[in-house]
Amino acid sequence: MLIEFFDLLFSYFSPFRLIGYLTFRSAFAALTTLLICFAFGGRIIEFLRKLKIGQSVREDGPQTHLVKTGTPTMGGIFIIISVVIAMLFWGDLQNRVVWITMSAFVAFGVIGFLDDYLKVVRHNSAGLPAWAKLAGQFAVAIAVVLIIYFTGGENTTALYIPFFKDPVLDMGFWWIPFAVLLVVGESNAVNFSDGLDGLLAGLLIIVFLTLAALTYITGRIDFSEYLGIPYIPEAGELTVFCLAAAGACVGFLWFNAHPAEVFMGDVGSLSLGGVIAVISLITKKEILILVIGGVFVLEIMSVIIQVLSFKIRKKRVFKMAPLHHHYELLGWSEIKTVIRFWILGGLFAIIALSTLKIQ
């Protein structure tokens, strides 16, 4: 929006040309979301508290979590709102992938909102039925993937793997089901990682900062050629979105740090998880995103292993799934668990970035 407005003023006042620089707009998008969260976060939390939109806590989990019952949830709403506002101001609204990303972001947020709303109304941790929640996620994922498939370039269905300069194969039509499963899987993996004060917000900051670097170099022909990664011109604009999301997560973490004043809820975790996968599809980092979000992969794998083990062997592998609860029950404090998982998330991000030159 601001690009078009200041475009008219460039000839009158040359400093306005700064608005045209991607790095400038990305930085100010992050600052915008951060300030919005700081300015309105407290008021939104108080509003949620007055509406009695409180979190229901599982009784079979760590007993230290029972004191969190009634803490306002659905805080992901002000992450979504702040990012959308920042993109309307600082994003290039004529860019195709910006609208694809924002549409997926909001659509997954709607599914999460419905799930959170039912949890609040019923005063328990059961929201949407599992089939309804998955049906909604698959519907959004299929729509987004088909749009990318039919409007993308020649590399859309190519599969790139870390350490290989060229695509290992062109998946053709089979890229569609692969991409759909990736989006749904990533959305749920991020959702499972939301269970401790500050855990998910901190991990998402790391992931979005990493994605910001990747989207920037992917949209630069000089950098992409030097590193041997696919050049996707439109993808550079997603740097604005990634830094806006990182800024929003920092602002949310201010209120979500232990002891949390508000929880993200599914409205935040599903939307942020889904959009991470969508960005990976657009930038051709479908495999690398599994490394960047390595902690999310570990979390969802722990749930899958736990369920399969109990159904087949009638035994549990972990004391509790997802994985972060397992370590809590082993005796780690909540803060120690969160910080160690943050460190692990940072290591995964470093490993992912290091693969760019090793190919």
Protein backbone atom coordinates (compact mmCIF):
# COMPACT_ATOMS: atom_id res chain seq x y z
CA MET A 1 0.00 0.00 0.00
CA LEU A 2 2.72 2.46 1.00
CA ILE A 3 4.77 1.51 -2.06
CA GLU A 4 2.06 2.77 -4.40
CA PHE A 5 1.49 5.92 -2.33
CA PHE A 6 5.13 6.95 -2.02
CA ASP A 7 5.76 6.02 -5.64
CA LEU A 8 3.98 9.25 -6.49
CA LEU A 9 6.23 11.27 -4.18
CA PHE A 10 9.65 9.93 -5.27
CA SER A 11 10.22 12.79 -7.70
CA TYR A 12 9.50 15.40 -5.02
CA PHE A 13 11.43 13.99 -2.07
CA SER A 14 14.18 11.47 -2.85
CA PRO A 15 14.39 9.88 0.67
CA PHE A 16 10.97 8.37 -0.01
CA ARG A 17 12.82 5.96 -2.28
CA LEU A 18 13.71 4.02 0.87
CA ILE A 19 10.17 2.66 0.87
CA GLY A 20 11.00 0.80 -2.32
CA TYR A 21 13.84 -1.17 -0.71
CA LEU A 22 12.87 -4.65 0.40
CA THR A 23 15.17 -4.60 3.42
CA PHE A 24 13.73 -1.29 4.65
CA ARG A 25 10.12 -2.46 4.33
CA SER A 26 10.93 -5.81 5.97
CA ALA A 27 12.55 -4.15 8.96
CA PHE A 28 9.66 -1.75 9.42
CA ALA A 29 7.13 -4.55 9.02
CA ALA A 30 8.79 -6.29 11.96
CA LEU A 31 8.79 -3.05 13.94
CA THR A 32 5.11 -2.49 13.09
CA THR A 33 3.95 -5.88 14.34
CA LEU A 34 6.09 -5.56 17.44
CA LEU A 35 4.66 -2.15 18.34
CA ILE A 36 1.09 -3.28 17.65
CA CYS A 37 1.52 -6.24 20.00
CA PHE A 38 3.10 -4.05 22.67
CA ALA A 39 0.46 -1.34 22.34
CA PHE A 40 -2.65 -3.52 22.21
CA GLY A 41 -1.57 -6.84 23.68
CA GLY A 42 -2.46 -5.95 27.25
CA ARG A 43 -5.87 -4.59 26.23
CA ILE A 44 -6.66 -7.69 24.18
CA ILE A 45 -5.68 -9.95 27.09
CA GLU A 46 -7.94 -7.99 29.41
CA PHE A 47 -10.75 -8.21 26.86
CA LEU A 48 -10.31 -11.99 26.58
CA ARG A 49 -10.29 -12.23 30.37
CA LYS A 50 -13.57 -10.33 30.62
CA LEU A 51 -15.12 -12.66 28.05
CA LYS A 52 -13.86 -15.56 30.19
CA ILE A 53 -12.00 -17.04 27.25
CA GLY A 54 -9.74 -19.19 29.39
CA GLN A 55 -7.58 -22.22 28.67
CA SER A 56 -8.67 -25.69 29.78
CA VAL A 57 -5.73 -27.81 30.92
CA ARG A 58 -5.43 -31.59 30.56
CA GLU A 59 -5.69 -33.28 33.93
CA ASP A 60 -3.45 -36.17 32.81
CA GLY A 61 -0.55 -33.83 32.10
CA PRO A 62 2.08 -32.36 34.44
CA GLN A 63 0.31 -31.27 37.61
CA THR A 64 2.22 -27.99 37.65
CA HIS A 65 0.14 -26.93 34.65
CA LEU A 66 -3.17 -27.05 36.52
CA VAL A 67 -2.57 -23.54 37.86
CA LYS A 68 -2.75 -22.30 34.25
CA THR A 69 -6.43 -23.18 33.99
CA GLY A 70 -8.40 -20.09 33.05
CA THR A 71 -5.45 -18.21 31.54
CA PRO A 72 -6.75 -16.27 28.49
CA THR A 73 -6.21 -18.13 25.23
CA MET A 74 -6.66 -17.33 21.54
CA GLY A 75 -3.82 -14.81 21.78
CA GLY A 76 -2.82 -15.81 18.27
CA ILE A 77 -5.53 -13.42 17.10
CA PHE A 78 -3.34 -10.40 17.70
CA ILE A 79 -0.45 -12.11 15.89
CA ILE A 80 -2.63 -12.55 12.82
CA ILE A 81 -4.09 -9.05 13.00
CA SER A 82 -0.71 -7.37 13.46
CA VAL A 83 0.88 -9.29 10.56
CA VAL A 84 -2.02 -8.52 8.21
CA ILE A 85 -1.86 -4.81 9.10
CA ALA A 86 1.92 -4.75 8.59
CA MET A 87 1.60 -6.45 5.20
CA LEU A 88 -1.08 -4.02 4.08
CA PHE A 89 1.28 -1.15 4.90
CA TRP A 90 4.68 -2.52 3.90
CA GLY A 91 4.02 -5.41 1.50
CA ASP A 92 3.83 -5.30 -2.27
CA LEU A 93 0.12 -6.02 -2.74
CA GLN A 94 0.62 -6.60 -6.46
CA ASN A 95 2.77 -9.64 -5.73
CA ARG A 96 0.98 -12.96 -6.34
CA VAL A 97 2.73 -14.98 -3.65
CA VAL A 98 1.98 -12.36 -0.98
CA TRP A 99 -1.75 -12.92 -1.44
CA ILE A 100 -1.35 -16.70 -1.53
CA THR A 101 0.61 -16.61 1.73
CA MET A 102 -1.72 -14.21 3.51
CA SER A 103 -4.81 -16.13 2.38
CA ALA A 104 -3.41 -19.41 3.74
CA PHE A 105 -2.37 -17.66 6.95
CA VAL A 106 -5.86 -16.30 7.62
CA ALA A 107 -7.66 -19.46 6.47
CA PHE A 108 -5.74 -21.70 8.87
CA GLY A 109 -6.36 -19.09 11.56
CA VAL A 110 -10.11 -19.43 11.03
CA ILE A 111 -9.90 -23.20 11.59
CA GLY A 112 -7.88 -22.63 14.76
CA PHE A 113 -10.35 -19.98 15.94
CA LEU A 114 -13.28 -22.40 15.61
CA ASP A 115 -11.34 -25.06 17.52
CA ASP A 116 -10.43 -22.64 20.33
CA TYR A 117 -13.95 -21.22 20.49
CA LEU A 118 -15.50 -24.66 21.02
CA LYS A 119 -12.95 -25.44 23.73
CA VAL A 120 -13.91 -22.26 25.56
CA VAL A 121 -17.65 -22.82 25.18
CA ARG A 122 -17.45 -26.43 26.36
CA HIS A 123 -14.95 -25.65 29.15
CA ASN A 124 -12.68 -28.56 28.21
CA SER A 125 -9.76 -29.34 25.91
CA ALA A 126 -11.96 -30.91 23.22
CA GLY A 127 -12.60 -28.46 20.39
CA LEU A 128 -13.45 -29.39 16.84
CA PRO A 129 -13.77 -33.15 16.22
CA ALA A 130 -10.51 -34.51 14.86
CA TRP A 131 -12.09 -35.35 11.51
CA ALA A 132 -13.57 -31.85 11.14
CA LYS A 133 -10.29 -30.17 12.03
CA LEU A 134 -8.34 -32.32 9.56
CA ALA A 135 -11.00 -31.82 6.88
CA GLY A 136 -10.65 -28.06 7.22
CA GLN A 137 -6.86 -28.24 7.09
CA PHE A 138 -6.91 -30.46 4.02
CA ALA A 139 -9.43 -28.20 2.28
CA VAL A 140 -7.26 -25.12 2.78
CA ALA A 141 -4.07 -27.00 1.91
CA ILE A 142 -5.55 -28.40 -1.31
CA ALA A 143 -6.81 -24.98 -2.41
CA VAL A 144 -3.46 -23.28 -1.74
CA VAL A 145 -1.40 -26.04 -3.35
CA LEU A 146 -3.56 -26.06 -6.48
CA ILE A 147 -3.19 -22.29 -6.82
CA ILE A 148 0.60 -22.58 -6.52
CA TYR A 149 0.61 -25.51 -8.96
CA PHE A 150 -1.39 -23.79 -11.70
CA THR A 151 0.15 -20.32 -11.33
CA GLY A 152 3.74 -21.26 -10.54
CA GLY A 153 6.78 -21.43 -12.78
CA GLU A 154 8.68 -24.32 -14.31
CA ASN A 155 10.35 -25.23 -11.01
CA THR A 156 7.08 -25.57 -9.10
CA THR A 157 7.02 -29.37 -9.08
CA ALA A 158 10.79 -29.85 -8.84
CA LEU A 159 12.05 -31.40 -5.61
CA TYR A 160 15.24 -29.94 -4.18
CA ILE A 161 17.17 -31.70 -1.43
CA PRO A 162 19.94 -30.17 0.72
CA PHE A 163 23.48 -30.86 -0.54
CA PHE A 164 22.22 -31.25 -4.14
CA LYS A 165 22.55 -28.23 -6.43
CA ASP A 166 20.01 -29.41 -8.98
CA PRO A 167 16.56 -30.85 -8.33
CA VAL A 168 16.64 -34.60 -7.74
CA LEU A 169 13.43 -35.12 -9.74
CA ASP A 170 10.39 -33.43 -11.16
CA MET A 171 7.43 -34.81 -9.21
CA GLY A 172 4.88 -33.61 -11.75
CA PHE A 173 1.30 -34.20 -10.62
CA TRP A 174 2.49 -36.10 -7.53
CA TRP A 175 3.86 -32.86 -6.14
CA ILE A 176 0.24 -31.90 -5.30
CA PRO A 177 -0.46 -34.67 -2.72
CA PHE A 178 3.09 -34.33 -1.40
CA ALA A 179 2.64 -30.58 -0.88
CA VAL A 180 -0.79 -31.00 0.70
CA LEU A 181 0.56 -33.52 3.22
CA LEU A 182 3.49 -31.21 4.00
CA VAL A 183 1.18 -28.25 4.72
CA VAL A 184 -1.19 -30.28 6.91
CA GLY A 185 1.68 -32.05 8.66
CA GLU A 186 3.60 -28.85 9.39
CA SER A 187 0.47 -27.13 10.68
CA ASN A 188 -0.18 -29.97 13.13
CA ALA A 189 3.49 -30.31 14.08
CA VAL A 190 3.60 -26.64 15.13
CA ASN A 191 0.30 -27.07 16.94
CA PHE A 192 1.68 -30.00 18.98
CA SER A 193 4.69 -27.85 19.96
CA ASP A 194 2.47 -25.33 21.74
CA GLY A 195 2.35 -26.59 25.31
CA LEU A 196 4.74 -24.60 27.50
CA ASP A 197 5.01 -20.90 28.27
CA GLY A 198 7.01 -19.24 25.52
CA LEU A 199 8.09 -22.49 23.84
CA LEU A 200 6.35 -22.12 20.50
CA ALA A 201 6.76 -18.34 20.22
CA GLY A 202 10.53 -18.65 20.69
CA LEU A 203 10.85 -21.48 18.18
CA LEU A 204 8.78 -19.57 15.63
CA ILE A 205 11.01 -16.50 15.96
CA ILE A 206 14.00 -18.67 15.01
CA VAL A 207 12.14 -20.29 12.11
CA PHE A 208 10.81 -17.03 10.65
CA LEU A 209 14.18 -15.30 10.91
CA THR A 210 15.72 -18.24 9.05
CA LEU A 211 12.96 -18.14 6.42
CA ALA A 212 13.48 -14.39 6.05
CA ALA A 213 17.10 -15.01 5.09
CA LEU A 214 16.08 -17.76 2.67
CA THR A 215 13.30 -15.79 0.98
CA TYR A 216 15.61 -12.80 0.56
CA ILE A 217 18.39 -14.74 -1.16
CA THR A 218 15.88 -16.79 -3.18
CA GLY A 219 14.49 -13.55 -4.61
CA ARG A 220 17.96 -12.24 -5.54
CA ILE A 221 19.35 -13.63 -8.78
CA ASP A 222 22.96 -12.86 -7.77
CA PHE A 223 22.74 -14.57 -4.37
CA SER A 224 20.73 -17.55 -5.63
CA GLU A 225 23.14 -18.19 -8.50
CA TYR A 226 26.14 -17.93 -6.18
CA LEU A 227 24.64 -20.40 -3.70
CA GLY A 228 23.21 -22.69 -6.35
CA ILE A 229 19.60 -22.49 -5.22
CA PRO A 230 16.51 -21.90 -7.40
CA TYR A 231 15.86 -18.25 -8.22
CA ILE A 232 12.23 -17.25 -7.64
CA PRO A 233 11.77 -13.48 -8.19
CA GLU A 234 8.41 -13.14 -6.42
CA ALA A 235 9.64 -15.00 -3.34
CA GLY A 236 11.79 -12.08 -2.19
CA GLU A 237 8.69 -10.17 -1.12
CA LEU A 238 7.96 -12.89 1.44
CA THR A 239 10.90 -11.49 3.44
CA VAL A 240 8.50 -8.75 4.54
CA PHE A 241 5.98 -11.36 5.70
CA CYS A 242 8.59 -13.47 7.52
CA LEU A 243 10.03 -10.53 9.46
CA ALA A 244 6.53 -9.24 10.22
CA ALA A 245 5.67 -12.67 11.65
CA ALA A 246 8.94 -12.76 13.61
CA GLY A 247 8.19 -9.32 15.08
CA ALA A 248 4.67 -10.41 16.01
CA CYS A 249 6.02 -13.51 17.75
CA VAL A 250 8.49 -11.38 19.72
CA GLY A 251 5.64 -9.11 20.76
CA PHE A 252 3.51 -12.09 21.72
CA LEU A 253 6.40 -13.65 23.67
CA TRP A 254 6.45 -10.53 25.85
CA PHE A 255 3.10 -11.64 27.26
CA ASN A 256 3.56 -15.40 26.81
CA ALA A 257 6.85 -15.73 28.71
CA HIS A 258 6.65 -17.74 31.95
CA PRO A 259 4.34 -17.27 33.78
CA ALA A 260 2.18 -16.71 30.68
CA GLU A 261 -0.48 -14.01 30.70
CA VAL A 262 -2.01 -15.41 27.51
CA PHE A 263 -1.75 -18.54 25.36
CA MET A 264 -1.49 -18.61 21.58
CA GLY A 265 -4.23 -21.17 21.05
CA ASP A 266 -4.86 -23.09 17.86
CA VAL A 267 -5.78 -19.85 16.09
CA GLY A 268 -2.11 -18.93 16.29
CA SER A 269 -0.34 -22.29 16.05
CA LEU A 270 -2.33 -23.67 13.11
CA SER A 271 -2.05 -20.44 11.11
CA LEU A 272 1.68 -20.01 11.71
CA GLY A 273 2.42 -23.68 11.10
CA GLY A 274 0.44 -23.72 7.88
CA VAL A 275 2.02 -20.56 6.52
CA ILE A 276 5.54 -21.86 7.24
CA ALA A 277 4.84 -24.83 4.98
CA VAL A 278 3.31 -22.61 2.27
CA ILE A 279 6.41 -20.40 2.24
CA SER A 280 8.59 -23.50 1.91
CA LEU A 281 6.55 -24.60 -1.13
CA ILE A 282 6.87 -21.22 -2.82
CA THR A 283 10.63 -20.98 -2.20
CA LYS A 284 11.27 -24.66 -3.06
CA LYS A 285 12.50 -25.50 0.44
CA GLU A 286 10.05 -28.37 1.03
CA ILE A 287 12.73 -30.67 2.44
CA LEU A 288 14.86 -28.01 4.08
CA ILE A 289 11.87 -26.80 6.14
CA LEU A 290 11.93 -30.17 7.92
CA VAL A 291 15.44 -29.29 9.10
CA ILE A 292 14.65 -25.67 9.94
CA GLY A 293 11.65 -26.80 11.98
CA GLY A 294 13.42 -29.87 13.31
CA VAL A 295 11.93 -29.44 16.78
CA PHE A 296 8.43 -29.47 15.28
CA VAL A 297 9.28 -32.73 13.50
CA LEU A 298 10.49 -34.28 16.75
CA GLU A 299 7.33 -33.16 18.54
CA ILE A 300 4.90 -34.66 16.02
CA MET A 301 6.99 -37.82 15.63
CA SER A 302 6.84 -38.36 19.39
CA VAL A 303 3.04 -38.23 19.19
CA ILE A 304 2.92 -40.66 16.24
CA ILE A 305 5.33 -43.09 17.91
CA GLN A 306 3.42 -42.90 21.21
CA VAL A 307 0.06 -43.62 19.57
CA LEU A 308 1.33 -46.47 17.38
CA SER A 309 3.27 -48.07 20.25
CA PHE A 310 0.26 -48.01 22.53
CA LYS A 311 -2.09 -49.41 19.89
CA ILE A 312 0.28 -52.17 18.77
CA ARG A 313 2.24 -53.02 21.94
CA LYS A 314 -0.05 -51.55 24.62
CA LYS A 315 3.06 -49.77 25.93
CA ARG A 316 4.15 -46.15 25.89
CA VAL A 317 7.57 -45.08 24.62
CA PHE A 318 7.44 -41.66 26.29
CA LYS A 319 6.11 -40.71 29.69
CA MET A 320 3.85 -38.31 27.81
CA ALA A 321 3.62 -36.90 24.31
CA PRO A 322 4.36 -34.41 22.78
CA LEU A 323 8.04 -34.60 23.58
CA HIS A 324 8.30 -31.48 25.76
CA HIS A 325 5.93 -33.02 28.33
CA HIS A 326 8.10 -36.15 28.43
CA TYR A 327 11.08 -34.12 29.63
CA GLU A 328 8.94 -32.24 32.13
CA LEU A 329 7.87 -35.55 33.66
CA LEU A 330 11.53 -36.60 33.76
CA GLY A 331 12.10 -33.71 36.15
CA TRP A 332 13.10 -30.78 33.91
CA SER A 333 11.54 -27.51 35.00
CA GLU A 334 9.29 -25.76 32.50
CA ILE A 335 11.76 -22.91 31.95
CA LYS A 336 14.69 -25.31 31.47
CA THR A 337 12.69 -27.36 28.96
CA VAL A 338 11.74 -24.25 26.99
CA ILE A 339 15.27 -22.82 26.84
CA ARG A 340 16.81 -26.16 25.85
CA PHE A 341 14.25 -26.61 23.09
CA TRP A 342 15.02 -23.06 21.90
CA ILE A 343 18.72 -23.96 21.77
CA LEU A 344 17.87 -27.10 19.80
CA GLY A 345 15.74 -25.01 17.43
CA GLY A 346 18.65 -22.63 16.90
CA LEU A 347 20.99 -25.54 16.10
CA PHE A 348 18.56 -26.87 13.50
CA ALA A 349 18.38 -23.41 11.90
CA ILE A 350 22.19 -23.17 11.74
CA ILE A 351 22.42 -26.63 10.18
CA ALA A 352 19.79 -25.69 7.60
CA LEU A 353 21.56 -22.46 6.61
CA SER A 354 24.93 -24.23 6.42
CA THR A 355 23.60 -26.58 3.73
CA LEU A 356 23.20 -23.69 1.29
CA LYS A 357 26.90 -23.62 0.46
CA ILE A 358 27.57 -27.33 0.85
CA GLN A 359 26.25 -28.39 -2.54
